[in-house]
Amino acid sequence: MPLFRNKEALMAQKVYIDMKTSGISPSKGEIIEICALKPDVDLMTYEMFHAYIKINSDISEIFTEIEGISKEMLDEHGVSIEDAIARFDMFVTGCEIVSFVPEYDLTFLKDAYSKCGLIFNHKVINAVRTGTKETIPTGKSLDEISNYLKVPHHGSDSTIKACEVIAKIHSKTL
C-alpha cells in the first residue's frame, strides 16, 4: 500500500528551492540568495525561507544589471552564510528538496555546508525528471519548460517566483 494516496500529500513532504549565485561554480562564486517554499497539504499556502547572503567578493555590474542584486544590497540586507545555512537546514529537515537544476544547486549547497562545518545530507530531486511519464526536453530554461508543460506562470525572475514555478512543474509531472 502506498504511503501517500494523493499528489497533495506527496507534495507536502517537499521543499522547492531556487538560488542565485555569483559564479558558475563554488570555486568561482558563492550563494548570494536562497529561497525555499514548503507547501501546506492544500497546496494553496506555504511556508517560506528566504535569505540574501553577504559575500566577501565583488559582484560585476553586468551581474547586477541581469539579476538586480548588488554588493551594496547584500551588505545591507544580507546575513552571514553561517546564519543562512543554519536556518535553511532547519527549514528543510525532514523533507525532500526539489530543484530545477539539482546538480548545480547541490554543488553550491554542499560547498556552503562544508564552509559552515556541516554535512549536507538531504535528498535532492529533479523537479522535471521525477515521476514524469512524458518526455520533457532537456537544456531548456525554467520558463521554457513551464510553457512546454502549460504551467501557468508570470515569469521566474525572482527566487520566490521561481520556487512557485518549480512547485507547479513538479506537481504537473507527478
N, C-alpha and C. Protein backbone atom coordinates (compact mmCIF):
# COMPACT_ATOMS: atom_id res chain seq x y z
N MET A 1 0.85 -1.19 0.00
CA MET A 1 0.00 0.00 0.00
C MET A 1 0.90 1.25 0.00
N PRO A 2 0.66 2.19 -0.90
CA PRO A 2 1.50 3.38 -0.95
C PRO A 2 1.34 4.24 0.30
N LEU A 3 2.42 4.89 0.67
CA LEU A 3 2.40 5.77 1.83
C LEU A 3 1.52 6.99 1.58
N PHE A 4 1.56 7.53 0.36
CA PHE A 4 0.75 8.70 0.03
C PHE A 4 -0.33 8.29 -0.95
N ARG A 5 -1.53 8.72 -0.69
CA ARG A 5 -2.65 8.36 -1.55
C ARG A 5 -2.97 9.43 -2.59
N ASN A 6 -2.40 10.61 -2.41
CA ASN A 6 -2.70 11.66 -3.38
C ASN A 6 -1.51 12.59 -3.57
N LYS A 7 -1.55 13.32 -4.66
CA LYS A 7 -0.48 14.23 -5.02
C LYS A 7 -0.26 15.30 -3.96
N GLU A 8 -1.33 15.81 -3.38
CA GLU A 8 -1.22 16.87 -2.39
C GLU A 8 -0.41 16.42 -1.18
N ALA A 9 -0.69 15.23 -0.68
CA ALA A 9 0.05 14.72 0.48
C ALA A 9 1.51 14.50 0.12
N LEU A 10 1.77 14.02 -1.08
CA LEU A 10 3.14 13.79 -1.53
C LEU A 10 3.89 15.11 -1.63
N MET A 11 3.28 16.12 -2.22
CA MET A 11 3.95 17.41 -2.38
C MET A 11 4.18 18.11 -1.06
N ALA A 12 3.36 17.84 -0.06
CA ALA A 12 3.52 18.48 1.24
C ALA A 12 4.78 18.03 1.94
N GLN A 13 5.40 16.97 1.46
CA GLN A 13 6.64 16.47 2.05
C GLN A 13 7.87 17.02 1.32
N LYS A 14 7.68 17.99 0.47
CA LYS A 14 8.76 18.54 -0.35
C LYS A 14 9.04 19.99 0.01
N VAL A 15 10.26 20.42 -0.32
CA VAL A 15 10.64 21.82 -0.23
C VAL A 15 11.20 22.19 -1.60
N TYR A 16 10.67 23.23 -2.19
CA TYR A 16 11.07 23.68 -3.52
C TYR A 16 12.05 24.83 -3.38
N ILE A 17 13.23 24.68 -4.01
CA ILE A 17 14.27 25.69 -3.81
C ILE A 17 14.71 26.34 -5.11
N ASP A 18 15.23 27.56 -4.96
CA ASP A 18 15.92 28.26 -6.03
C ASP A 18 17.00 29.11 -5.39
N MET A 19 18.10 29.27 -6.10
CA MET A 19 19.21 30.06 -5.59
C MET A 19 19.76 30.95 -6.69
N LYS A 20 20.41 32.01 -6.26
CA LYS A 20 21.22 32.82 -7.16
C LYS A 20 22.64 32.76 -6.62
N THR A 21 23.58 32.65 -7.54
CA THR A 21 24.98 32.57 -7.16
C THR A 21 25.77 33.62 -7.93
N SER A 22 26.94 33.95 -7.40
CA SER A 22 27.76 34.97 -8.04
C SER A 22 28.72 34.39 -9.07
N GLY A 23 28.65 33.09 -9.32
CA GLY A 23 29.53 32.45 -10.29
C GLY A 23 28.96 31.13 -10.74
N ILE A 24 29.68 30.46 -11.64
CA ILE A 24 29.18 29.21 -12.21
C ILE A 24 29.56 27.97 -11.40
N SER A 25 30.47 28.13 -10.44
CA SER A 25 30.86 27.01 -9.59
C SER A 25 31.30 27.58 -8.24
N PRO A 26 31.33 26.75 -7.19
CA PRO A 26 31.76 27.24 -5.89
C PRO A 26 33.19 27.81 -5.89
N SER A 27 34.04 27.35 -6.80
CA SER A 27 35.39 27.90 -6.87
C SER A 27 35.41 29.29 -7.51
N LYS A 28 34.33 29.66 -8.21
CA LYS A 28 34.27 30.95 -8.89
C LYS A 28 33.15 31.84 -8.38
N GLY A 29 32.40 31.38 -7.38
CA GLY A 29 31.29 32.18 -6.88
C GLY A 29 30.73 31.62 -5.59
N GLU A 30 29.72 32.29 -5.09
CA GLU A 30 29.10 31.92 -3.83
C GLU A 30 27.58 32.05 -3.96
N ILE A 31 26.86 31.40 -3.06
CA ILE A 31 25.41 31.60 -2.99
C ILE A 31 25.18 33.01 -2.47
N ILE A 32 24.36 33.77 -3.18
CA ILE A 32 24.06 35.13 -2.72
C ILE A 32 22.58 35.29 -2.34
N GLU A 33 21.75 34.36 -2.79
CA GLU A 33 20.34 34.39 -2.43
C GLU A 33 19.82 32.96 -2.48
N ILE A 34 19.01 32.62 -1.49
CA ILE A 34 18.41 31.29 -1.47
C ILE A 34 16.97 31.42 -1.00
N CYS A 35 16.09 30.70 -1.67
CA CYS A 35 14.67 30.70 -1.32
C CYS A 35 14.18 29.27 -1.29
N ALA A 36 13.30 28.97 -0.37
CA ALA A 36 12.70 27.64 -0.28
C ALA A 36 11.24 27.80 0.12
N LEU A 37 10.37 27.04 -0.56
CA LEU A 37 8.94 27.04 -0.26
C LEU A 37 8.53 25.65 0.17
N LYS A 38 7.76 25.59 1.25
CA LYS A 38 7.23 24.33 1.77
C LYS A 38 5.71 24.42 1.73
N PRO A 39 5.07 23.74 0.75
CA PRO A 39 3.61 23.85 0.63
C PRO A 39 2.88 23.14 1.76
N ASP A 40 1.75 23.71 2.14
CA ASP A 40 0.84 23.02 3.05
C ASP A 40 0.10 21.96 2.23
N VAL A 41 -0.60 21.09 2.89
CA VAL A 41 -1.29 20.00 2.21
C VAL A 41 -2.27 20.52 1.16
N ASP A 42 -2.88 21.68 1.39
CA ASP A 42 -3.85 22.21 0.42
C ASP A 42 -3.18 22.77 -0.84
N LEU A 43 -1.87 22.91 -0.83
CA LEU A 43 -1.08 23.45 -1.93
C LEU A 43 -1.44 24.90 -2.28
N MET A 44 -2.23 25.53 -1.46
CA MET A 44 -2.62 26.92 -1.72
C MET A 44 -1.77 27.89 -0.90
N THR A 45 -1.24 27.42 0.21
CA THR A 45 -0.40 28.25 1.07
C THR A 45 0.91 27.52 1.31
N TYR A 46 1.90 28.27 1.76
CA TYR A 46 3.18 27.65 2.02
C TYR A 46 3.97 28.46 3.03
N GLU A 47 4.92 27.77 3.65
CA GLU A 47 5.92 28.44 4.48
C GLU A 47 7.06 28.83 3.56
N MET A 48 7.75 29.91 3.89
CA MET A 48 8.84 30.36 3.03
C MET A 48 10.09 30.64 3.84
N PHE A 49 11.22 30.24 3.29
CA PHE A 49 12.53 30.64 3.79
C PHE A 49 13.16 31.48 2.69
N HIS A 50 13.74 32.61 3.06
CA HIS A 50 14.42 33.45 2.08
C HIS A 50 15.57 34.17 2.77
N ALA A 51 16.72 34.22 2.10
CA ALA A 51 17.85 34.95 2.66
C ALA A 51 18.74 35.48 1.54
N TYR A 52 19.14 36.74 1.71
CA TYR A 52 20.26 37.28 0.93
C TYR A 52 21.50 37.01 1.77
N ILE A 53 22.61 36.72 1.12
CA ILE A 53 23.80 36.32 1.85
C ILE A 53 24.95 37.27 1.52
N LYS A 54 25.57 37.79 2.58
CA LYS A 54 26.73 38.67 2.41
C LYS A 54 27.89 37.84 1.87
N ILE A 55 28.62 38.44 0.94
CA ILE A 55 29.80 37.77 0.40
C ILE A 55 31.00 38.71 0.48
N ASN A 56 32.18 38.14 0.42
CA ASN A 56 33.40 38.94 0.51
C ASN A 56 33.84 39.48 -0.85
N SER A 57 33.49 38.78 -1.91
CA SER A 57 33.93 39.19 -3.24
C SER A 57 33.00 40.25 -3.83
N ASP A 58 33.46 40.87 -4.88
CA ASP A 58 32.65 41.87 -5.58
C ASP A 58 31.69 41.19 -6.55
N ILE A 59 30.70 41.95 -6.97
CA ILE A 59 29.74 41.49 -7.97
C ILE A 59 29.87 42.42 -9.17
N SER A 60 29.92 41.84 -10.35
CA SER A 60 30.10 42.65 -11.56
C SER A 60 28.86 43.50 -11.84
N GLU A 61 29.09 44.58 -12.56
CA GLU A 61 27.98 45.45 -12.96
C GLU A 61 27.00 44.70 -13.87
N ILE A 62 27.53 43.85 -14.73
CA ILE A 62 26.68 43.07 -15.63
C ILE A 62 25.76 42.15 -14.83
N PHE A 63 26.32 41.49 -13.80
CA PHE A 63 25.51 40.62 -12.95
C PHE A 63 24.41 41.42 -12.27
N THR A 64 24.76 42.59 -11.74
CA THR A 64 23.77 43.44 -11.07
C THR A 64 22.67 43.85 -12.04
N GLU A 65 23.03 44.17 -13.27
CA GLU A 65 22.02 44.54 -14.28
C GLU A 65 21.09 43.37 -14.59
N ILE A 66 21.65 42.17 -14.72
CA ILE A 66 20.85 40.99 -15.08
C ILE A 66 19.99 40.52 -13.91
N GLU A 67 20.59 40.39 -12.74
CA GLU A 67 19.91 39.78 -11.59
C GLU A 67 19.25 40.80 -10.65
N GLY A 68 19.64 42.05 -10.74
CA GLY A 68 19.06 43.06 -9.86
C GLY A 68 19.59 43.01 -8.44
N ILE A 69 20.74 42.37 -8.25
CA ILE A 69 21.34 42.25 -6.91
C ILE A 69 22.73 42.88 -6.95
N SER A 70 22.97 43.82 -6.03
CA SER A 70 24.27 44.48 -5.97
C SER A 70 24.99 44.09 -4.68
N LYS A 71 26.28 44.34 -4.65
CA LYS A 71 27.08 44.09 -3.44
C LYS A 71 26.54 44.93 -2.29
N GLU A 72 26.17 46.16 -2.57
CA GLU A 72 25.62 47.05 -1.54
C GLU A 72 24.33 46.49 -0.95
N MET A 73 23.49 45.93 -1.82
CA MET A 73 22.23 45.32 -1.37
C MET A 73 22.52 44.15 -0.44
N LEU A 74 23.48 43.31 -0.81
CA LEU A 74 23.83 42.16 0.03
C LEU A 74 24.43 42.62 1.36
N ASP A 75 25.27 43.66 1.31
CA ASP A 75 25.86 44.18 2.55
C ASP A 75 24.79 44.73 3.49
N GLU A 76 23.78 45.36 2.91
CA GLU A 76 22.72 45.98 3.72
C GLU A 76 21.68 44.97 4.21
N HIS A 77 21.27 44.05 3.35
CA HIS A 77 20.16 43.14 3.68
C HIS A 77 20.58 41.70 3.92
N GLY A 78 21.83 41.39 3.64
CA GLY A 78 22.28 40.00 3.74
C GLY A 78 22.64 39.57 5.15
N VAL A 79 22.70 38.25 5.30
CA VAL A 79 23.14 37.63 6.55
C VAL A 79 24.39 36.81 6.23
N SER A 80 25.06 36.36 7.25
CA SER A 80 26.25 35.53 7.04
C SER A 80 25.83 34.19 6.44
N ILE A 81 26.77 33.56 5.73
CA ILE A 81 26.49 32.23 5.18
C ILE A 81 26.17 31.25 6.30
N GLU A 82 26.83 31.40 7.44
CA GLU A 82 26.58 30.51 8.57
C GLU A 82 25.13 30.62 9.06
N ASP A 83 24.65 31.85 9.19
CA ASP A 83 23.26 32.06 9.62
C ASP A 83 22.28 31.54 8.58
N ALA A 84 22.53 31.85 7.32
CA ALA A 84 21.61 31.41 6.25
C ALA A 84 21.55 29.89 6.17
N ILE A 85 22.69 29.22 6.21
CA ILE A 85 22.71 27.77 6.09
C ILE A 85 22.09 27.11 7.32
N ALA A 86 22.35 27.64 8.50
CA ALA A 86 21.75 27.07 9.72
C ALA A 86 20.22 27.15 9.65
N ARG A 87 19.69 28.31 9.23
CA ARG A 87 18.24 28.47 9.14
C ARG A 87 17.65 27.64 7.99
N PHE A 88 18.37 27.60 6.86
CA PHE A 88 17.93 26.78 5.73
C PHE A 88 17.87 25.31 6.13
N ASP A 89 18.89 24.84 6.82
CA ASP A 89 18.94 23.44 7.24
C ASP A 89 17.75 23.09 8.15
N MET A 90 17.44 23.97 9.08
CA MET A 90 16.28 23.73 9.95
C MET A 90 14.99 23.69 9.13
N PHE A 91 14.88 24.55 8.13
CA PHE A 91 13.68 24.64 7.31
C PHE A 91 13.46 23.39 6.47
N VAL A 92 14.53 22.82 5.93
CA VAL A 92 14.39 21.69 5.01
C VAL A 92 14.46 20.32 5.68
N THR A 93 14.83 20.28 6.95
CA THR A 93 14.97 18.99 7.63
C THR A 93 13.64 18.23 7.60
N GLY A 94 13.73 16.95 7.23
CA GLY A 94 12.55 16.09 7.17
C GLY A 94 11.83 16.11 5.84
N CYS A 95 12.32 16.88 4.89
CA CYS A 95 11.67 16.99 3.58
C CYS A 95 12.67 16.66 2.47
N GLU A 96 12.15 16.24 1.33
CA GLU A 96 12.97 16.13 0.14
C GLU A 96 13.06 17.52 -0.49
N ILE A 97 14.23 17.85 -0.98
CA ILE A 97 14.43 19.12 -1.66
C ILE A 97 14.21 18.90 -3.16
N VAL A 98 13.41 19.77 -3.76
CA VAL A 98 13.12 19.68 -5.19
C VAL A 98 13.72 20.91 -5.86
N SER A 99 14.51 20.66 -6.90
CA SER A 99 15.22 21.73 -7.59
C SER A 99 15.03 21.59 -9.10
N PHE A 100 15.11 22.70 -9.80
CA PHE A 100 15.06 22.66 -11.26
C PHE A 100 16.41 22.23 -11.84
N VAL A 101 17.50 22.60 -11.16
CA VAL A 101 18.86 22.22 -11.58
C VAL A 101 19.59 21.61 -10.38
N PRO A 102 19.22 20.38 -10.00
CA PRO A 102 19.75 19.80 -8.76
C PRO A 102 21.26 19.64 -8.72
N GLU A 103 21.90 19.30 -9.82
CA GLU A 103 23.35 19.12 -9.81
C GLU A 103 24.04 20.43 -9.46
N TYR A 104 23.60 21.51 -10.05
CA TYR A 104 24.16 22.84 -9.80
C TYR A 104 23.91 23.26 -8.35
N ASP A 105 22.65 23.18 -7.92
CA ASP A 105 22.31 23.59 -6.56
C ASP A 105 23.04 22.74 -5.52
N LEU A 106 23.11 21.45 -5.76
CA LEU A 106 23.76 20.54 -4.82
C LEU A 106 25.24 20.87 -4.66
N THR A 107 25.92 21.21 -5.74
CA THR A 107 27.33 21.58 -5.68
C THR A 107 27.53 22.78 -4.77
N PHE A 108 26.71 23.81 -4.95
CA PHE A 108 26.83 25.01 -4.12
C PHE A 108 26.41 24.75 -2.68
N LEU A 109 25.34 23.99 -2.48
CA LEU A 109 24.88 23.70 -1.12
C LEU A 109 25.92 22.89 -0.34
N LYS A 110 26.47 21.86 -0.95
CA LYS A 110 27.49 21.06 -0.27
C LYS A 110 28.69 21.91 0.11
N ASP A 111 29.11 22.80 -0.79
CA ASP A 111 30.23 23.69 -0.51
C ASP A 111 29.91 24.64 0.65
N ALA A 112 28.72 25.23 0.63
CA ALA A 112 28.33 26.16 1.69
C ALA A 112 28.23 25.44 3.04
N TYR A 113 27.63 24.26 3.05
CA TYR A 113 27.54 23.48 4.29
C TYR A 113 28.93 23.18 4.81
N SER A 114 29.83 22.77 3.94
CA SER A 114 31.20 22.45 4.33
C SER A 114 31.90 23.66 4.95
N LYS A 115 31.73 24.83 4.35
CA LYS A 115 32.32 26.06 4.89
C LYS A 115 31.77 26.38 6.27
N CYS A 116 30.57 25.90 6.56
CA CYS A 116 29.93 26.15 7.86
C CYS A 116 30.20 25.00 8.84
N GLY A 117 31.01 24.04 8.45
CA GLY A 117 31.32 22.91 9.32
C GLY A 117 30.20 21.90 9.42
N LEU A 118 29.32 21.88 8.42
CA LEU A 118 28.18 20.97 8.42
C LEU A 118 28.29 20.00 7.25
N ILE A 119 27.54 18.93 7.32
CA ILE A 119 27.47 17.97 6.23
C ILE A 119 26.07 18.04 5.62
N PHE A 120 26.01 18.21 4.32
CA PHE A 120 24.73 18.24 3.62
C PHE A 120 24.28 16.81 3.40
N ASN A 121 23.17 16.43 4.04
CA ASN A 121 22.70 15.04 3.91
C ASN A 121 21.21 14.97 3.57
N HIS A 122 20.75 15.92 2.80
CA HIS A 122 19.35 15.95 2.38
C HIS A 122 19.23 15.37 0.97
N LYS A 123 18.12 14.73 0.71
CA LYS A 123 17.87 14.20 -0.63
C LYS A 123 17.41 15.35 -1.53
N VAL A 124 18.01 15.44 -2.71
CA VAL A 124 17.64 16.47 -3.68
C VAL A 124 17.17 15.76 -4.94
N ILE A 125 15.98 16.15 -5.42
CA ILE A 125 15.44 15.53 -6.62
C ILE A 125 15.16 16.59 -7.68
N ASN A 126 15.06 16.13 -8.91
CA ASN A 126 14.84 17.00 -10.06
C ASN A 126 13.34 17.22 -10.25
N ALA A 127 12.92 18.47 -10.27
CA ALA A 127 11.50 18.81 -10.41
C ALA A 127 10.92 18.29 -11.71
N VAL A 128 11.72 18.23 -12.75
CA VAL A 128 11.23 17.86 -14.07
C VAL A 128 11.31 16.37 -14.32
N ARG A 129 12.32 15.72 -13.80
CA ARG A 129 12.57 14.31 -14.12
C ARG A 129 11.92 13.33 -13.15
N THR A 130 11.35 13.79 -12.06
CA THR A 130 10.79 12.90 -11.05
C THR A 130 9.36 12.52 -11.39
N GLY A 131 9.12 11.25 -11.62
CA GLY A 131 7.77 10.74 -11.77
C GLY A 131 7.09 11.05 -13.08
N THR A 132 7.77 11.70 -14.00
CA THR A 132 7.11 12.08 -15.23
C THR A 132 7.03 10.91 -16.21
N LYS A 133 5.94 10.85 -16.92
CA LYS A 133 5.73 9.79 -17.90
C LYS A 133 5.98 10.29 -19.32
N GLU A 134 6.03 11.60 -19.48
CA GLU A 134 6.25 12.12 -20.82
C GLU A 134 7.69 12.59 -20.98
N THR A 135 8.14 12.64 -22.21
CA THR A 135 9.49 13.10 -22.48
C THR A 135 9.51 14.62 -22.45
N ILE A 136 10.34 15.15 -21.58
CA ILE A 136 10.46 16.60 -21.44
C ILE A 136 11.81 17.00 -22.01
N PRO A 137 11.86 18.02 -22.85
CA PRO A 137 13.13 18.41 -23.46
C PRO A 137 14.17 18.81 -22.40
N THR A 138 15.42 18.48 -22.67
CA THR A 138 16.49 18.87 -21.76
C THR A 138 17.13 20.16 -22.23
N GLY A 139 17.87 20.81 -21.35
CA GLY A 139 18.60 22.02 -21.71
C GLY A 139 17.73 23.24 -21.90
N LYS A 140 16.54 23.22 -21.36
CA LYS A 140 15.62 24.36 -21.51
C LYS A 140 15.57 25.16 -20.22
N SER A 141 15.19 26.41 -20.33
CA SER A 141 15.06 27.27 -19.15
C SER A 141 13.79 26.93 -18.39
N LEU A 142 13.70 27.45 -17.19
CA LEU A 142 12.51 27.25 -16.37
C LEU A 142 11.26 27.77 -17.08
N ASP A 143 11.36 28.94 -17.69
CA ASP A 143 10.21 29.49 -18.42
C ASP A 143 9.84 28.63 -19.63
N GLU A 144 10.84 28.10 -20.33
CA GLU A 144 10.56 27.25 -21.50
C GLU A 144 9.87 25.95 -21.09
N ILE A 145 10.32 25.34 -20.00
CA ILE A 145 9.68 24.11 -19.51
C ILE A 145 8.26 24.41 -19.03
N SER A 146 8.08 25.56 -18.37
CA SER A 146 6.73 25.96 -17.93
C SER A 146 5.79 26.07 -19.11
N ASN A 147 6.25 26.70 -20.17
CA ASN A 147 5.43 26.83 -21.37
C ASN A 147 5.16 25.47 -22.00
N TYR A 148 6.18 24.62 -22.07
CA TYR A 148 6.04 23.29 -22.67
C TYR A 148 4.99 22.46 -21.93
N LEU A 149 5.00 22.53 -20.60
CA LEU A 149 4.06 21.76 -19.78
C LEU A 149 2.73 22.49 -19.55
N LYS A 150 2.62 23.69 -20.14
CA LYS A 150 1.42 24.51 -19.97
C LYS A 150 1.15 24.82 -18.50
N VAL A 151 2.23 25.14 -17.79
CA VAL A 151 2.14 25.52 -16.39
C VAL A 151 1.99 27.04 -16.34
N PRO A 152 0.90 27.54 -15.76
CA PRO A 152 0.73 28.99 -15.70
C PRO A 152 1.82 29.63 -14.83
N HIS A 153 2.39 30.71 -15.33
CA HIS A 153 3.41 31.41 -14.57
C HIS A 153 3.49 32.84 -15.06
N HIS A 154 4.08 33.67 -14.23
CA HIS A 154 4.24 35.08 -14.58
C HIS A 154 5.72 35.43 -14.53
N GLY A 155 6.54 34.59 -15.19
CA GLY A 155 7.98 34.79 -15.17
C GLY A 155 8.59 34.12 -13.95
N SER A 156 9.88 33.99 -14.00
CA SER A 156 10.59 33.39 -12.87
C SER A 156 11.83 34.21 -12.56
N ASP A 157 11.65 35.55 -12.60
CA ASP A 157 12.78 36.44 -12.43
C ASP A 157 13.24 36.56 -10.98
N SER A 158 12.42 36.23 -10.01
CA SER A 158 12.84 36.25 -8.62
C SER A 158 12.90 34.82 -8.10
N THR A 159 13.67 34.61 -7.04
CA THR A 159 13.77 33.26 -6.49
C THR A 159 12.42 32.79 -5.95
N ILE A 160 11.63 33.69 -5.41
CA ILE A 160 10.31 33.31 -4.88
C ILE A 160 9.41 32.84 -6.02
N LYS A 161 9.33 33.63 -7.09
CA LYS A 161 8.52 33.22 -8.25
C LYS A 161 9.04 31.92 -8.84
N ALA A 162 10.37 31.78 -8.91
CA ALA A 162 10.96 30.56 -9.46
C ALA A 162 10.57 29.35 -8.63
N CYS A 163 10.58 29.47 -7.31
CA CYS A 163 10.17 28.35 -6.44
C CYS A 163 8.72 27.98 -6.70
N GLU A 164 7.87 28.97 -6.87
CA GLU A 164 6.46 28.69 -7.17
C GLU A 164 6.31 27.95 -8.50
N VAL A 165 7.07 28.37 -9.51
CA VAL A 165 7.02 27.71 -10.82
C VAL A 165 7.56 26.29 -10.71
N ILE A 166 8.65 26.10 -9.97
CA ILE A 166 9.22 24.76 -9.78
C ILE A 166 8.20 23.84 -9.13
N ALA A 167 7.48 24.33 -8.12
CA ALA A 167 6.44 23.52 -7.46
C ALA A 167 5.33 23.15 -8.45
N LYS A 168 4.92 24.11 -9.29
CA LYS A 168 3.87 23.83 -10.28
C LYS A 168 4.34 22.80 -11.31
N ILE A 169 5.58 22.94 -11.75
CA ILE A 169 6.14 21.97 -12.71
C ILE A 169 6.18 20.59 -12.08
N HIS A 170 6.68 20.51 -10.85
CA HIS A 170 6.78 19.22 -10.17
C HIS A 170 5.40 18.59 -10.00
N SER A 171 4.42 19.39 -9.64
CA SER A 171 3.05 18.89 -9.48
C SER A 171 2.54 18.30 -10.80
N LYS A 172 2.87 18.98 -11.88
CA LYS A 172 2.41 18.54 -13.21
C LYS A 172 3.06 17.21 -13.63
N THR A 173 4.26 16.94 -13.14
CA THR A 173 4.98 15.74 -13.55
C THR A 173 4.71 14.54 -12.65
N LEU A 174 4.00 14.74 -11.55
CA LEU A 174 3.71 13.62 -10.64
C LEU A 174 2.59 12.75 -11.17
